[in-house]
PDB file of N, CA and C in Angstrom:
ATOM      1  N   MET A   1     306.404 115.556 155.799  1.00  0.00           N
ATOM      2  CA  MET A   1     306.132 114.224 156.298  1.00  0.00           C
ATOM      3  C   MET A   1     307.468 113.540 156.559  1.00  0.00           C
ATOM      4  N   ASN A   2     307.588 112.933 157.728  1.00  0.00           N
ATOM      5  CA  ASN A   2     308.833 112.242 158.049  1.00  0.00           C
ATOM      6  C   ASN A   2     308.617 110.728 158.046  1.00  0.00           C
ATOM      7  N   ALA A   3     309.681 110.001 158.320  1.00  0.00           N
ATOM      8  CA  ALA A   3     309.617 108.538 158.256  1.00  0.00           C
ATOM      9  C   ALA A   3     308.612 107.963 159.254  1.00  0.00           C
ATOM     10  N   GLU A   4     308.523 108.555 160.437  1.00  0.00           N
ATOM     11  CA  GLU A   4     307.567 108.056 161.436  1.00  0.00           C
ATOM     12  C   GLU A   4     306.130 108.281 160.984  1.00  0.00           C
ATOM     13  N   GLU A   5     305.848 109.431 160.386  1.00  0.00           N
ATOM     14  CA  GLU A   5     304.495 109.723 159.898  1.00  0.00           C
ATOM     15  C   GLU A   5     304.113 108.792 158.748  1.00  0.00           C
ATOM     16  N   ILE A   6     305.058 108.531 157.866  1.00  0.00           N
ATOM     17  CA  ILE A   6     304.808 107.595 156.764  1.00  0.00           C
ATOM     18  C   ILE A   6     304.519 106.211 157.336  1.00  0.00           C
ATOM     19  N   GLY A   7     305.309 105.801 158.311  1.00  0.00           N
ATOM     20  CA  GLY A   7     305.106 104.499 158.935  1.00  0.00           C
ATOM     21  C   GLY A   7     303.748 104.370 159.598  1.00  0.00           C
ATOM     22  N   MET A   8     303.331 105.418 160.301  1.00  0.00           N
ATOM     23  CA  MET A   8     302.025 105.385 160.966  1.00  0.00           C
ATOM     24  C   MET A   8     300.895 105.324 159.947  1.00  0.00           C
ATOM     25  N   ALA A   9     301.026 106.065 158.845  1.00  0.00           N
ATOM     26  CA  ALA A   9     299.998 106.051 157.798  1.00  0.00           C
ATOM     27  C   ALA A   9     299.922 104.672 157.145  1.00  0.00           C
ATOM     28  N   LEU A  10     301.072 104.084 156.895  1.00  0.00           N
ATOM     29  CA  LEU A  10     301.108 102.757 156.288  1.00  0.00           C
ATOM     30  C   LEU A  10     300.492 101.723 157.228  1.00  0.00           C
ATOM     31  N   LEU A  11     300.841 101.776 158.499  1.00  0.00           N
ATOM     32  CA  LEU A  11     300.300 100.839 159.483  1.00  0.00           C
ATOM     33  C   LEU A  11     298.779 100.942 159.566  1.00  0.00           C
ATOM     34  N   LYS A  12     298.275 102.166 159.630  1.00  0.00           N
ATOM     35  CA  LYS A  12     296.828 102.377 159.714  1.00  0.00           C
ATOM     36  C   LYS A  12     296.125 101.824 158.476  1.00  0.00           C
ATOM     37  N   ALA A  13     296.663 102.133 157.296  1.00  0.00           N
ATOM     38  CA  ALA A  13     296.049 101.666 156.050  1.00  0.00           C
ATOM     39  C   ALA A  13     296.069 100.143 155.969  1.00  0.00           C
ATOM     40  N   ARG A  14     297.174  99.538 156.374  1.00  0.00           N
ATOM     41  CA  ARG A  14     297.277  98.074 156.339  1.00  0.00           C
ATOM     42  C   ARG A  14     296.233  97.444 157.256  1.00  0.00           C
ATOM     43  N   LYS A  15     296.117  97.982 158.457  1.00  0.00           N
ATOM     44  CA  LYS A  15     295.140  97.433 159.408  1.00  0.00           C
ATOM     45  C   LYS A  15     293.712  97.684 158.938  1.00  0.00           C
ATOM     46  N   ASP A  16     293.467  98.861 158.364  1.00  0.00           N
ATOM     47  CA  ASP A  16     292.132  99.164 157.840  1.00  0.00           C
ATOM     48  C   ASP A  16     291.718  98.172 156.755  1.00  0.00           C
ATOM     49  N   LEU A  17     292.705  97.700 155.985  1.00  0.00           N
ATOM     50  CA  LEU A  17     292.434  96.733 154.920  1.00  0.00           C
ATOM     51  C   LEU A  17     292.450  95.287 155.421  1.00  0.00           C
ATOM     52  N   GLY A  18     292.755  95.105 156.692  1.00  0.00           N
ATOM     53  CA  GLY A  18     292.765  93.765 157.268  1.00  0.00           C
ATOM     54  C   GLY A  18     293.917  92.898 156.795  1.00  0.00           C
ATOM     55  N   LEU A  19     295.023  93.526 156.428  1.00  0.00           N
ATOM     56  CA  LEU A  19     296.182  92.779 155.942  1.00  0.00           C
ATOM     57  C   LEU A  19     297.194  92.551 157.057  1.00  0.00           C
ATOM     58  N   ARG A  20     297.807  91.379 157.055  1.00  0.00           N
ATOM     59  CA  ARG A  20     298.953  91.126 157.924  1.00  0.00           C
ATOM     60  C   ARG A  20     300.194  91.666 157.215  1.00  0.00           C
ATOM     61  N   GLN A  21     301.248  91.884 157.980  1.00  0.00           N
ATOM     62  CA  GLN A  21     302.490  92.381 157.383  1.00  0.00           C
ATOM     63  C   GLN A  21     302.978  91.454 156.280  1.00  0.00           C
ATOM     64  N   ALA A  22     302.892  90.160 156.501  1.00  0.00           N
ATOM     65  CA  ALA A  22     303.356  89.191 155.500  1.00  0.00           C
ATOM     66  C   ALA A  22     302.540  89.284 154.217  1.00  0.00           C
ATOM     67  N   GLU A  23     301.238  89.486 154.350  1.00  0.00           N
ATOM     68  CA  GLU A  23     300.379  89.601 153.165  1.00  0.00           C
ATOM     69  C   GLU A  23     300.722  90.856 152.371  1.00  0.00           C
ATOM     70  N   LEU A  24     300.887  91.970 153.074  1.00  0.00           N
ATOM     71  CA  LEU A  24     301.240  93.219 152.400  1.00  0.00           C
ATOM     72  C   LEU A  24     302.597  93.095 151.719  1.00  0.00           C
ATOM     73  N   ALA A  25     303.547  92.491 152.411  1.00  0.00           N
ATOM     74  CA  ALA A  25     304.876  92.308 151.834  1.00  0.00           C
ATOM     75  C   ALA A  25     304.801  91.507 150.539  1.00  0.00           C
ATOM     76  N   ASP A  26     304.017  90.444 150.546  1.00  0.00           N
ATOM     77  CA  ASP A  26     303.865  89.605 149.358  1.00  0.00           C
ATOM     78  C   ASP A  26     303.230  90.394 148.214  1.00  0.00           C
ATOM     79  N   LEU A  27     302.182  91.139 148.510  1.00  0.00           N
ATOM     80  CA  LEU A  27     301.497  91.926 147.480  1.00  0.00           C
ATOM     81  C   LEU A  27     302.388  93.018 146.892  1.00  0.00           C
ATOM     82  N   ALA A  28     303.235  93.604 147.736  1.00  0.00           N
ATOM     83  CA  ALA A  28     304.090  94.710 147.295  1.00  0.00           C
ATOM     84  C   ALA A  28     305.436  94.241 146.756  1.00  0.00           C
ATOM     85  N   GLY A  29     305.745  92.954 146.904  1.00  0.00           N
ATOM     86  CA  GLY A  29     307.016  92.433 146.411  1.00  0.00           C
ATOM     87  C   GLY A  29     308.211  92.851 147.248  1.00  0.00           C
ATOM     88  N   VAL A  30     307.991  92.997 148.554  1.00  0.00           N
ATOM     89  CA  VAL A  30     309.072  93.362 149.469  1.00  0.00           C
ATOM     90  C   VAL A  30     309.079  92.348 150.612  1.00  0.00           C
ATOM     91  N   SER A  31     310.077  92.430 151.470  1.00  0.00           N
ATOM     92  CA  SER A  31     310.148  91.498 152.596  1.00  0.00           C
ATOM     93  C   SER A  31     309.263  91.974 153.748  1.00  0.00           C
ATOM     94  N   GLU A  32     308.902  91.025 154.593  1.00  0.00           N
ATOM     95  CA  GLU A  32     308.126  91.366 155.784  1.00  0.00           C
ATOM     96  C   GLU A  32     308.946  92.283 156.696  1.00  0.00           C
ATOM     97  N   ARG A  33     310.233  92.048 156.758  1.00  0.00           N
ATOM     98  CA  ARG A  33     311.114  92.911 157.566  1.00  0.00           C
ATOM     99  C   ARG A  33     311.057  94.354 157.066  1.00  0.00           C
ATOM    100  N   PHE A  34     311.013  94.521 155.751  1.00  0.00           N
ATOM    101  CA  PHE A  34     310.919  95.867 155.188  1.00  0.00           C
ATOM    102  C   PHE A  34     309.644  96.551 155.675  1.00  0.00           C
ATOM    103  N   ILE A  35     308.519  95.829 155.656  1.00  0.00           N
ATOM    104  CA  ILE A  35     307.251  96.390 156.129  1.00  0.00           C
ATOM    105  C   ILE A  35     307.378  96.797 157.590  1.00  0.00           C
ATOM    106  N   ARG A  36     307.967  95.920 158.412  1.00  0.00           N
ATOM    107  CA  ARG A  36     308.157  96.244 159.833  1.00  0.00           C
ATOM    108  C   ARG A  36     308.995  97.501 159.997  1.00  0.00           C
ATOM    109  N   ASP A  37     310.085  97.601 159.233  1.00  0.00           N
ATOM    110  CA  ASP A  37     310.965  98.765 159.344  1.00  0.00           C
ATOM    111  C   ASP A  37     310.250 100.055 158.960  1.00  0.00           C
ATOM    112  N   VAL A  38     309.472 100.012 157.887  1.00  0.00           N
ATOM    113  CA  VAL A  38     308.729 101.207 157.468  1.00  0.00           C
ATOM    114  C   VAL A  38     307.726 101.587 158.548  1.00  0.00           C
ATOM    115  N   GLU A  39     306.985 100.619 159.054  1.00  0.00           N
ATOM    116  CA  GLU A  39     305.970 100.906 160.067  1.00  0.00           C
ATOM    117  C   GLU A  39     306.581 101.439 161.357  1.00  0.00           C
ATOM    118  N   LYS A  40     307.823 101.058 161.639  1.00  0.00           N
ATOM    119  CA  LYS A  40     308.514 101.567 162.830  1.00  0.00           C
ATOM    120  C   LYS A  40     309.139 102.939 162.586  1.00  0.00           C
ATOM    121  N   GLY A  41     309.068 103.421 161.350  1.00  0.00           N
ATOM    122  CA  GLY A  41     309.594 104.744 161.044  1.00  0.00           C
ATOM    123  C   GLY A  41     311.082 104.795 160.793  1.00  0.00           C
ATOM    124  N   LYS A  42     311.679 103.656 160.455  1.00  0.00           N
ATOM    125  CA  LYS A  42     313.112 103.661 160.156  1.00  0.00           C
ATOM    126  C   LYS A  42     313.354 104.457 158.878  1.00  0.00           C
ATOM    127  N   ALA A  43     314.266 105.383 158.948  1.00  0.00           N
ATOM    128  CA  ALA A  43     314.500 106.299 157.832  1.00  0.00           C
ATOM    129  C   ALA A  43     315.464 105.744 156.793  1.00  0.00           C
ATOM    130  N   THR A  44     315.935 104.530 156.953  1.00  0.00           N
ATOM    131  CA  THR A  44     316.935 103.987 156.036  1.00  0.00           C
ATOM    132  C   THR A  44     316.345 103.122 154.932  1.00  0.00           C
ATOM    133  N   VAL A  45     315.025 103.089 154.835  1.00  0.00           N
ATOM    134  CA  VAL A  45     314.396 102.249 153.821  1.00  0.00           C
ATOM    135  C   VAL A  45     314.520 102.873 152.431  1.00  0.00           C
ATOM    136  N   GLN A  46     314.342 102.056 151.405  1.00  0.00           N
ATOM    137  CA  GLN A  46     314.449 102.525 150.028  1.00  0.00           C
ATOM    138  C   GLN A  46     313.119 103.130 149.588  1.00  0.00           C
ATOM    139  N   LEU A  47     313.180 104.339 149.079  1.00  0.00           N
ATOM    140  CA  LEU A  47     311.978 105.079 148.721  1.00  0.00           C
ATOM    141  C   LEU A  47     311.132 104.361 147.678  1.00  0.00           C
ATOM    142  N   ASN A  48     311.754 103.749 146.678  1.00  0.00           N
ATOM    143  CA  ASN A  48     310.958 103.075 145.645  1.00  0.00           C
ATOM    144  C   ASN A  48     310.141 101.929 146.229  1.00  0.00           C
ATOM    145  N   LYS A  49     310.678 101.248 147.222  1.00  0.00           N
ATOM    146  CA  LYS A  49     309.927 100.178 147.870  1.00  0.00           C
ATOM    147  C   LYS A  49     308.773 100.749 148.688  1.00  0.00           C
ATOM    148  N   VAL A  50     309.004 101.871 149.355  1.00  0.00           N
ATOM    149  CA  VAL A  50     307.931 102.520 150.117  1.00  0.00           C
ATOM    150  C   VAL A  50     306.791 102.880 149.178  1.00  0.00           C
ATOM    151  N   ILE A  51     307.108 103.425 148.024  1.00  0.00           N
ATOM    152  CA  ILE A  51     306.087 103.809 147.049  1.00  0.00           C
ATOM    153  C   ILE A  51     305.315 102.579 146.576  1.00  0.00           C
ATOM    154  N   ASP A  52     305.997 101.459 146.351  1.00  0.00           N
ATOM    155  CA  ASP A  52     305.314 100.222 145.954  1.00  0.00           C
ATOM    156  C   ASP A  52     304.325  99.776 147.026  1.00  0.00           C
ATOM    157  N   VAL A  53     304.747  99.837 148.278  1.00  0.00           N
ATOM    158  CA  VAL A  53     303.880  99.420 149.379  1.00  0.00           C
ATOM    159  C   VAL A  53     302.687 100.360 149.501  1.00  0.00           C
ATOM    160  N   LEU A  54     302.930 101.661 149.424  1.00  0.00           N
ATOM    161  CA  LEU A  54     301.832 102.627 149.492  1.00  0.00           C
ATOM    162  C   LEU A  54     300.828 102.372 148.377  1.00  0.00           C
ATOM    163  N   SER A  55     301.316 102.066 147.190  1.00  0.00           N
ATOM    164  CA  SER A  55     300.448 101.818 146.046  1.00  0.00           C
ATOM    165  C   SER A  55     299.522 100.627 146.291  1.00  0.00           C
ATOM    166  N   VAL A  56     300.055  99.553 146.862  1.00  0.00           N
ATOM    167  CA  VAL A  56     299.239  98.379 147.171  1.00  0.00           C
ATOM    168  C   VAL A  56     298.115  98.753 148.129  1.00  0.00           C
ATOM    169  N   LEU A  57     298.390  99.691 149.036  1.00  0.00           N
ATOM    170  CA  LEU A  57     297.403 100.101 150.031  1.00  0.00           C
ATOM    171  C   LEU A  57     296.454 101.179 149.517  1.00  0.00           C
ATOM    172  N   GLY A  58     296.634 101.595 148.270  1.00  0.00           N
ATOM    173  CA  GLY A  58     295.772 102.635 147.712  1.00  0.00           C
ATOM    174  C   GLY A  58     296.151 104.023 148.195  1.00  0.00           C
ATOM    175  N   LEU A  59     297.414 104.194 148.600  1.00  0.00           N
ATOM    176  CA  LEU A  59     297.893 105.483 149.094  1.00  0.00           C
ATOM    177  C   LEU A  59     298.934 106.041 148.134  1.00  0.00           C
ATOM    178  N   GLU A  60     299.097 107.331 148.173  1.00  0.00           N
ATOM    179  CA  GLU A  60     300.183 107.942 147.420  1.00  0.00           C
ATOM    180  C   GLU A  60     300.824 109.007 148.286  1.00  0.00           C
ATOM    181  N   MET A  61     302.085 109.241 148.047  1.00  0.00           N
ATOM    182  CA  MET A  61     302.823 110.242 148.787  1.00  0.00           C
ATOM    183  C   MET A  61     302.817 111.523 147.964  1.00  0.00           C
ATOM    184  N   THR A  62     302.540 112.615 148.617  1.00  0.00           N
ATOM    185  CA  THR A  62     302.594 113.891 147.919  1.00  0.00           C
ATOM    186  C   THR A  62     303.691 114.740 148.535  1.00  0.00           C
ATOM    187  N   ILE A  63     304.215 115.602 147.724  1.00  0.00           N
ATOM    188  CA  ILE A  63     305.259 116.515 148.179  1.00  0.00           C
ATOM    189  C   ILE A  63     304.748 117.925 147.995  1.00  0.00           C
ATOM    190  N   GLU A  64     304.803 118.677 149.061  1.00  0.00           N
ATOM    191  CA  GLU A  64     304.424 120.079 148.988  1.00  0.00           C
ATOM    192  C   GLU A  64     305.695 120.909 149.032  1.00  0.00           C
ATOM    193  N   ILE A  65     305.785 121.843 148.122  1.00  0.00           N
ATOM    194  CA  ILE A  65     306.948 122.714 148.093  1.00  0.00           C
ATOM    195  C   ILE A  65     306.609 123.974 148.869  1.00  0.00           C
ATOM    196  N   HIS A  66     307.380 124.211 149.892  1.00  0.00           N
ATOM    197  CA  HIS A  66     307.182 125.398 150.710  1.00  0.00           C
ATOM    198  C   HIS A  66     308.350 126.344 150.468  1.00  0.00           C
ATOM    199  N   ASP A  67     308.033 127.583 150.225  1.00  0.00           N
ATOM    200  CA  ASP A  67     309.070 128.595 150.039  1.00  0.00           C
ATOM    201  C   ASP A  67     309.273 129.287 151.378  1.00  0.00           C
ATOM    202  N   PRO A  68     310.352 128.971 152.073  1.00  0.00           N
ATOM    203  CA  PRO A  68     310.549 129.551 153.394  1.00  0.00           C
ATOM    204  C   PRO A  68     310.689 131.071 153.356  1.00  0.00           C
ATOM    205  N   LEU A  69     311.093 131.607 152.231  1.00  0.00           N
ATOM    206  CA  LEU A  69     311.229 133.059 152.129  1.00  0.00           C
ATOM    207  C   LEU A  69     309.871 133.744 152.113  1.00  0.00           C
ATOM    208  N   LYS A  70     308.863 133.114 151.519  1.00  0.00           N
ATOM    209  CA  LYS A  70     307.522 133.691 151.474  1.00  0.00           C
ATOM    210  C   LYS A  70     306.826 133.604 152.824  1.00  0.00           C
ATOM    211  N   ALA A  71     307.218 132.646 153.641  1.00  0.00           N
ATOM    212  CA  ALA A  71     306.573 132.455 154.937  1.00  0.00           C
ATOM    213  C   ALA A  71     307.001 133.505 155.951  1.00  0.00           C
ATOM    214  N   LYS A  72     308.130 134.146 155.726  1.00  0.00           N
ATOM    215  CA  LYS A  72     308.628 135.154 156.667  1.00  0.00           C
ATOM    216  C   LYS A  72     308.036 136.518 156.335  1.00  0.00           C
ATOM    217  N   PRO A  73     307.640 137.282 157.382  1.00  0.00           N
ATOM    218  CA  PRO A  73     307.077 138.631 157.124  1.00  0.00           C
ATOM    219  C   PRO A  73     308.116 139.611 156.642  1.00  0.00           C
TER     220      PRO A  73
END
């Protein structure tokens, strides 16, 4: 998952919940600008803040470990 995919997922979840960016920012304890940056897929955001925002939206980020050596024949 990259920054753009995270941003798209966050945007969809926020809209599904009927929240404005300002409302989500307030609930997550971050700035509205931060929400805009995440939704635009900016890769320079702070991960702990992204996790806080995802949590407010009822989302969690998962990490899958892929072994590139096993994928090759």
